[in-house]
């Protein structure tokens, strides 16, 4: 028989990480003003992104909107949206305002899915969230292979240089983000409009001043690198078209029409 008085049972309970998805959105985009409310097959871009995030099923989804029109559209299409100030330096600063307005005591990770990414792949969203949890990373994002070399010369396509070759199993560190390539290098990928941060890193990021690189290149992630905040990069199987220009919008419309 067991002597239960001398048996020590240790229960190790692994905390379930909780993710919140916040989608920043505003009508005053410089390259394509009003794009969140532009419709594709009868549904606005921002509501399509919201529904995509909900389908990923990794956590609650909220739109952080600069404009009441966006809030109204998202709510009319069954989503959640919160109105924010219109003076934010970046999308991350905008989502942090929403993060502060809600009960976030049990939130561990915040995912920032850009509001102009209606074609973001659901499995890639889930993969980033999984990699963040498994690695205990502080800051993560997605990138895919560049299939068309013409994209290297396109400043609307953001590129990321990683420390090592990116594949489906690793989660390497980002060395730099850029719009223009001055010389061909290995390990350059197409950066996608999505970020994930742990709570402490999000709070630290928004407390920092915009860096010179961030302002010059209009890339908020450079604020992190310039302040020694490491960003890990997960491999995305698909390279969706983000809607930055009228040409992008027409391309996305054609893709969605072909799917139906």
Protein backbone atom coordinates (compact mmCIF):
# COMPACT_ATOMS: atom_id res chain seq x y z
CA UNK A 1 0.00 0.00 0.00
CA UNK A 2 1.04 3.55 -0.58
CA UNK A 3 1.90 5.67 2.41
CA UNK A 4 -0.10 8.72 1.32
CA UNK A 5 1.26 10.76 4.22
CA UNK A 6 4.70 10.62 2.62
CA UNK A 7 3.65 11.11 -0.98
CA UNK A 8 3.92 14.59 -2.39
CA UNK A 9 1.79 15.32 -5.41
CA UNK A 10 2.85 18.36 -7.39
CA UNK A 11 0.31 19.77 -9.78
CA UNK A 12 1.77 22.00 -12.46
CA UNK A 13 -0.97 24.05 -14.05
CA UNK A 14 0.06 25.74 -17.25
CA UNK A 15 -1.58 29.12 -17.62
CA UNK A 16 -3.71 29.44 -20.71
CA UNK A 17 -2.53 32.50 -22.61
CA UNK A 18 -5.32 34.87 -23.59
CA UNK A 19 -5.09 36.93 -26.78
CA UNK A 20 -6.99 40.07 -27.71
CA UNK A 21 -7.12 41.15 -31.37
CA UNK A 22 -7.38 44.90 -32.01
CA UNK A 23 -7.69 46.31 -35.53
CA UNK A 24 -6.63 49.97 -35.97
CA UNK A 25 -8.52 51.88 -38.64
CA UNK A 26 -8.91 55.46 -39.88
CA UNK A 27 -10.39 57.21 -42.90
CA UNK A 28 -7.53 59.69 -43.39
CA UNK A 29 -4.97 57.35 -44.96
CA UNK A 30 -2.71 59.43 -47.23
CA UNK A 31 -2.43 57.02 -50.17
CA UNK A 32 -6.08 55.95 -50.32
CA UNK A 33 -8.34 58.16 -48.18
CA UNK A 34 -11.56 56.53 -47.02
CA UNK A 35 -10.38 52.99 -47.79
CA UNK A 36 -11.80 51.29 -44.64
CA UNK A 37 -15.34 51.92 -45.89
CA UNK A 38 -14.69 51.05 -49.52
CA UNK A 39 -16.74 47.99 -50.36
CA UNK A 40 -15.74 44.69 -51.87
CA UNK A 41 -18.72 42.56 -52.92
CA UNK A 42 -21.04 44.66 -50.77
CA UNK A 43 -19.01 44.62 -47.54
CA UNK A 44 -16.56 47.27 -46.34
CA UNK A 45 -12.84 46.48 -46.10
CA UNK A 46 -12.76 47.06 -42.34
CA UNK A 47 -15.72 44.76 -41.70
CA UNK A 48 -14.09 42.09 -43.87
CA UNK A 49 -10.92 42.32 -41.78
CA UNK A 50 -12.98 42.09 -38.57
CA UNK A 51 -14.75 38.96 -39.78
CA UNK A 52 -11.42 37.45 -40.86
CA UNK A 53 -10.02 38.00 -37.36
CA UNK A 54 -13.12 36.43 -35.81
CA UNK A 55 -12.77 33.38 -38.06
CA UNK A 56 -9.22 32.88 -36.76
CA UNK A 57 -10.82 32.30 -33.35
CA UNK A 58 -7.80 33.20 -31.23
CA UNK A 59 -9.54 35.74 -29.01
CA UNK A 60 -11.96 38.64 -28.77
CA UNK A 61 -11.80 41.15 -31.66
CA UNK A 62 -12.25 44.92 -31.42
CA UNK A 63 -11.77 47.67 -34.03
CA UNK A 64 -9.93 50.79 -32.80
CA UNK A 65 -11.45 53.47 -35.03
CA UNK A 66 -10.54 57.10 -35.45
CA UNK A 67 -13.87 57.88 -37.13
CA UNK A 68 -17.47 57.39 -36.01
CA UNK A 69 -18.39 56.21 -39.53
CA UNK A 70 -16.06 53.22 -39.10
CA UNK A 71 -17.54 52.41 -35.68
CA UNK A 72 -21.04 52.50 -37.15
CA UNK A 73 -20.11 50.29 -40.11
CA UNK A 74 -18.44 47.63 -37.96
CA UNK A 75 -21.35 47.53 -35.51
CA UNK A 76 -23.90 47.35 -38.32
CA UNK A 77 -22.05 44.27 -39.58
CA UNK A 78 -22.07 42.55 -36.19
CA UNK A 79 -18.65 43.61 -34.88
CA UNK A 80 -17.22 45.52 -31.94
CA UNK A 81 -15.61 48.94 -32.35
CA UNK A 82 -14.40 51.70 -30.04
CA UNK A 83 -13.86 55.34 -31.06
CA UNK A 84 -10.35 56.69 -30.40
CA UNK A 85 -8.58 60.04 -30.52
CA UNK A 86 -7.34 61.28 -33.91
CA UNK A 87 -3.84 62.33 -32.86
CA UNK A 88 -2.07 58.97 -32.65
CA UNK A 89 1.44 58.51 -34.06
CA UNK A 90 0.80 54.96 -35.27
CA UNK A 91 -1.66 52.09 -35.34
CA UNK A 92 -0.04 50.60 -32.24
CA UNK A 93 -0.58 53.82 -30.30
CA UNK A 94 -4.22 53.70 -31.40
CA UNK A 95 -4.80 50.15 -30.25
CA UNK A 96 -3.20 50.92 -26.89
CA UNK A 97 -5.88 53.54 -26.24
CA UNK A 98 -8.53 50.85 -26.70
CA UNK A 99 -6.49 48.44 -24.58
CA UNK A 100 -6.60 50.98 -21.75
CA UNK A 101 -10.34 51.53 -22.11
CA UNK A 102 -11.33 47.89 -21.60
CA UNK A 103 -10.83 45.41 -18.78
CA UNK A 104 -7.48 43.96 -19.84
CA UNK A 105 -6.40 42.38 -16.57
CA UNK A 106 -6.52 38.83 -17.96
CA UNK A 107 -5.03 39.63 -21.39
CA UNK A 108 -1.54 38.27 -22.10
CA UNK A 109 -1.06 38.99 -25.80
CA UNK A 110 -2.39 41.76 -28.02
CA UNK A 111 -2.52 41.15 -31.75
CA UNK A 112 -2.55 44.19 -34.04
CA UNK A 113 -4.10 43.18 -37.36
CA UNK A 114 -3.92 46.04 -39.85
CA UNK A 115 -7.32 47.23 -41.06
CA UNK A 116 -6.34 47.06 -44.73
CA UNK A 117 -5.58 43.31 -44.85
CA UNK A 118 -8.84 41.63 -45.96
CA UNK A 119 -6.96 38.70 -47.52
CA UNK A 120 -4.84 37.77 -44.51
CA UNK A 121 -4.80 33.99 -44.21
CA UNK A 122 -6.52 32.58 -41.12
CA UNK A 123 -3.97 29.81 -40.61
CA UNK A 124 -1.14 32.35 -40.73
CA UNK A 125 -2.86 34.45 -38.05
CA UNK A 126 -3.19 31.36 -35.87
CA UNK A 127 0.42 30.39 -36.51
CA UNK A 128 1.73 33.75 -35.30
CA UNK A 129 -0.33 33.48 -32.15
CA UNK A 130 0.92 29.93 -31.57
CA UNK A 131 4.55 30.93 -32.08
CA UNK A 132 4.19 33.82 -29.62
CA UNK A 133 2.82 31.49 -26.95
CA UNK A 134 5.30 28.67 -27.51
CA UNK A 135 8.38 30.89 -27.57
CA UNK A 136 7.31 33.45 -24.95
CA UNK A 137 8.33 36.10 -27.48
CA UNK A 138 7.75 39.73 -26.58
CA UNK A 139 7.01 40.99 -30.09
CA UNK A 140 6.22 39.04 -33.24
CA UNK A 141 5.08 39.48 -36.83
CA UNK A 142 4.63 37.59 -40.12
CA UNK A 143 6.50 37.51 -43.41
CA UNK A 144 6.28 35.48 -46.61
CA UNK A 145 8.54 34.65 -49.53
CA UNK A 146 8.85 37.24 -52.29
CA UNK A 147 7.75 35.40 -55.43
CA UNK A 148 7.93 38.38 -57.80
CA UNK A 149 11.21 40.32 -57.88
CA UNK A 150 9.31 43.41 -59.01
CA UNK A 151 8.00 43.68 -55.45
CA UNK A 152 11.53 44.42 -54.24
CA UNK A 153 11.36 47.76 -56.05
CA UNK A 154 7.85 48.58 -54.87
CA UNK A 155 7.98 50.97 -51.85
CA UNK A 156 4.40 50.03 -50.94
CA UNK A 157 5.61 46.48 -50.22
CA UNK A 158 7.46 46.48 -46.88
CA UNK A 159 10.39 44.09 -46.65
CA UNK A 160 11.98 42.47 -43.60
CA UNK A 161 15.54 41.20 -43.25
CA UNK A 162 15.79 38.25 -40.87
CA UNK A 163 18.77 36.93 -38.93
CA UNK A 164 18.41 33.49 -40.50
CA UNK A 165 16.51 31.76 -43.26
CA UNK A 166 12.79 31.82 -42.53
CA UNK A 167 10.85 28.54 -42.55
CA UNK A 168 7.67 27.01 -41.16
CA UNK A 169 9.25 25.86 -37.90
CA UNK A 170 11.53 28.68 -36.75
CA UNK A 171 10.84 32.18 -35.39
CA UNK A 172 13.99 34.19 -36.17
CA UNK A 173 14.83 37.73 -35.19
CA UNK A 174 14.22 40.65 -37.56
CA UNK A 175 17.32 42.72 -38.32
CA UNK A 176 15.64 45.49 -40.29
CA UNK A 177 12.47 46.60 -42.07
CA UNK A 178 12.59 48.64 -45.27
CA UNK A 179 10.56 49.93 -48.20
CA UNK A 180 13.43 50.14 -50.67
CA UNK A 181 16.21 47.63 -51.32
CA UNK A 182 19.58 49.20 -52.09
CA UNK A 183 21.34 45.87 -52.61
CA UNK A 184 20.26 42.25 -52.92
CA UNK A 185 20.66 40.25 -49.71
CA UNK A 186 19.68 36.83 -48.45
CA UNK A 187 16.82 36.40 -46.01
CA UNK A 188 14.67 39.27 -47.26
CA UNK A 189 10.93 38.62 -47.09
CA UNK A 190 7.61 40.34 -47.67
CA UNK A 191 6.47 41.78 -44.33
CA UNK A 192 2.75 41.44 -43.61
CA UNK A 193 0.57 43.93 -41.75
CA UNK A 194 0.20 42.15 -38.43
CA UNK A 195 1.94 42.32 -35.04
CA UNK A 196 1.64 40.55 -31.73
CA UNK A 197 2.99 41.86 -28.43
CA UNK A 198 2.91 40.80 -24.83
CA UNK A 199 1.29 43.34 -22.56
CA UNK A 200 4.52 44.76 -21.10
CA UNK A 201 6.11 45.24 -24.53
CA UNK A 202 3.03 47.04 -25.86
CA UNK A 203 3.13 49.43 -22.90
CA UNK A 204 6.86 50.04 -23.37
CA UNK A 205 6.49 50.62 -27.12
CA UNK A 206 3.88 53.36 -26.80
CA UNK A 207 5.91 55.10 -24.08
CA UNK A 208 8.79 55.64 -26.52
CA UNK A 209 9.22 58.65 -28.77
CA UNK A 210 9.04 58.08 -32.50
CA UNK A 211 12.51 57.30 -33.83
CA UNK A 212 14.11 59.09 -36.78
CA UNK A 213 13.99 55.86 -38.81
CA UNK A 214 10.31 55.37 -38.05
CA UNK A 215 9.40 58.87 -39.22
CA UNK A 216 11.62 58.75 -42.31
CA UNK A 217 10.38 55.35 -43.52
CA UNK A 218 6.84 55.54 -42.12
CA UNK A 219 7.32 52.16 -40.46
CA UNK A 220 6.35 52.02 -36.79
CA UNK A 221 8.17 48.73 -36.18
CA UNK A 222 11.47 50.58 -36.57
CA UNK A 223 10.70 52.34 -33.29
CA UNK A 224 11.01 48.96 -31.61
CA UNK A 225 14.28 47.98 -33.29
CA UNK A 226 15.78 51.42 -32.65
CA UNK A 227 15.09 50.90 -28.95
CA UNK A 228 16.50 47.35 -28.78
CA UNK A 229 13.11 45.63 -28.66
CA UNK A 230 13.54 42.33 -30.49
CA UNK A 231 10.94 41.35 -33.09
CA UNK A 232 10.56 37.70 -34.09
CA UNK A 233 9.24 36.74 -37.51
CA UNK A 234 7.00 33.76 -38.29
CA UNK A 235 6.67 32.29 -41.76
CA UNK A 236 3.41 33.00 -43.59
CA UNK A 237 2.38 30.54 -46.28
CA UNK A 238 0.46 33.20 -48.16
CA UNK A 239 1.36 36.77 -49.19
CA UNK A 240 -1.92 38.70 -49.19
CA UNK A 241 -2.31 42.03 -50.94
CA UNK A 242 -2.77 44.86 -48.46
CA UNK A 243 -4.99 47.68 -49.72
CA UNK A 244 -2.75 50.75 -49.95
CA UNK A 245 -3.61 52.06 -53.41
CA UNK A 246 -6.46 52.04 -55.94
CA UNK A 247 -4.55 49.37 -57.87
CA UNK A 248 -4.41 47.19 -54.73
CA UNK A 249 -8.14 47.58 -54.25
CA UNK A 250 -8.89 46.46 -57.80
CA UNK A 251 -6.53 43.49 -57.42
CA UNK A 252 -8.23 42.39 -54.19
CA UNK A 253 -11.65 42.71 -55.81
CA UNK A 254 -10.57 40.45 -58.69
CA UNK A 255 -9.20 37.83 -56.29
CA UNK A 256 -12.43 37.77 -54.30
CA UNK A 257 -14.57 37.63 -57.43
CA UNK A 258 -12.58 34.64 -58.67
CA UNK A 259 -13.09 32.84 -55.35
CA UNK A 260 -16.86 33.10 -55.56
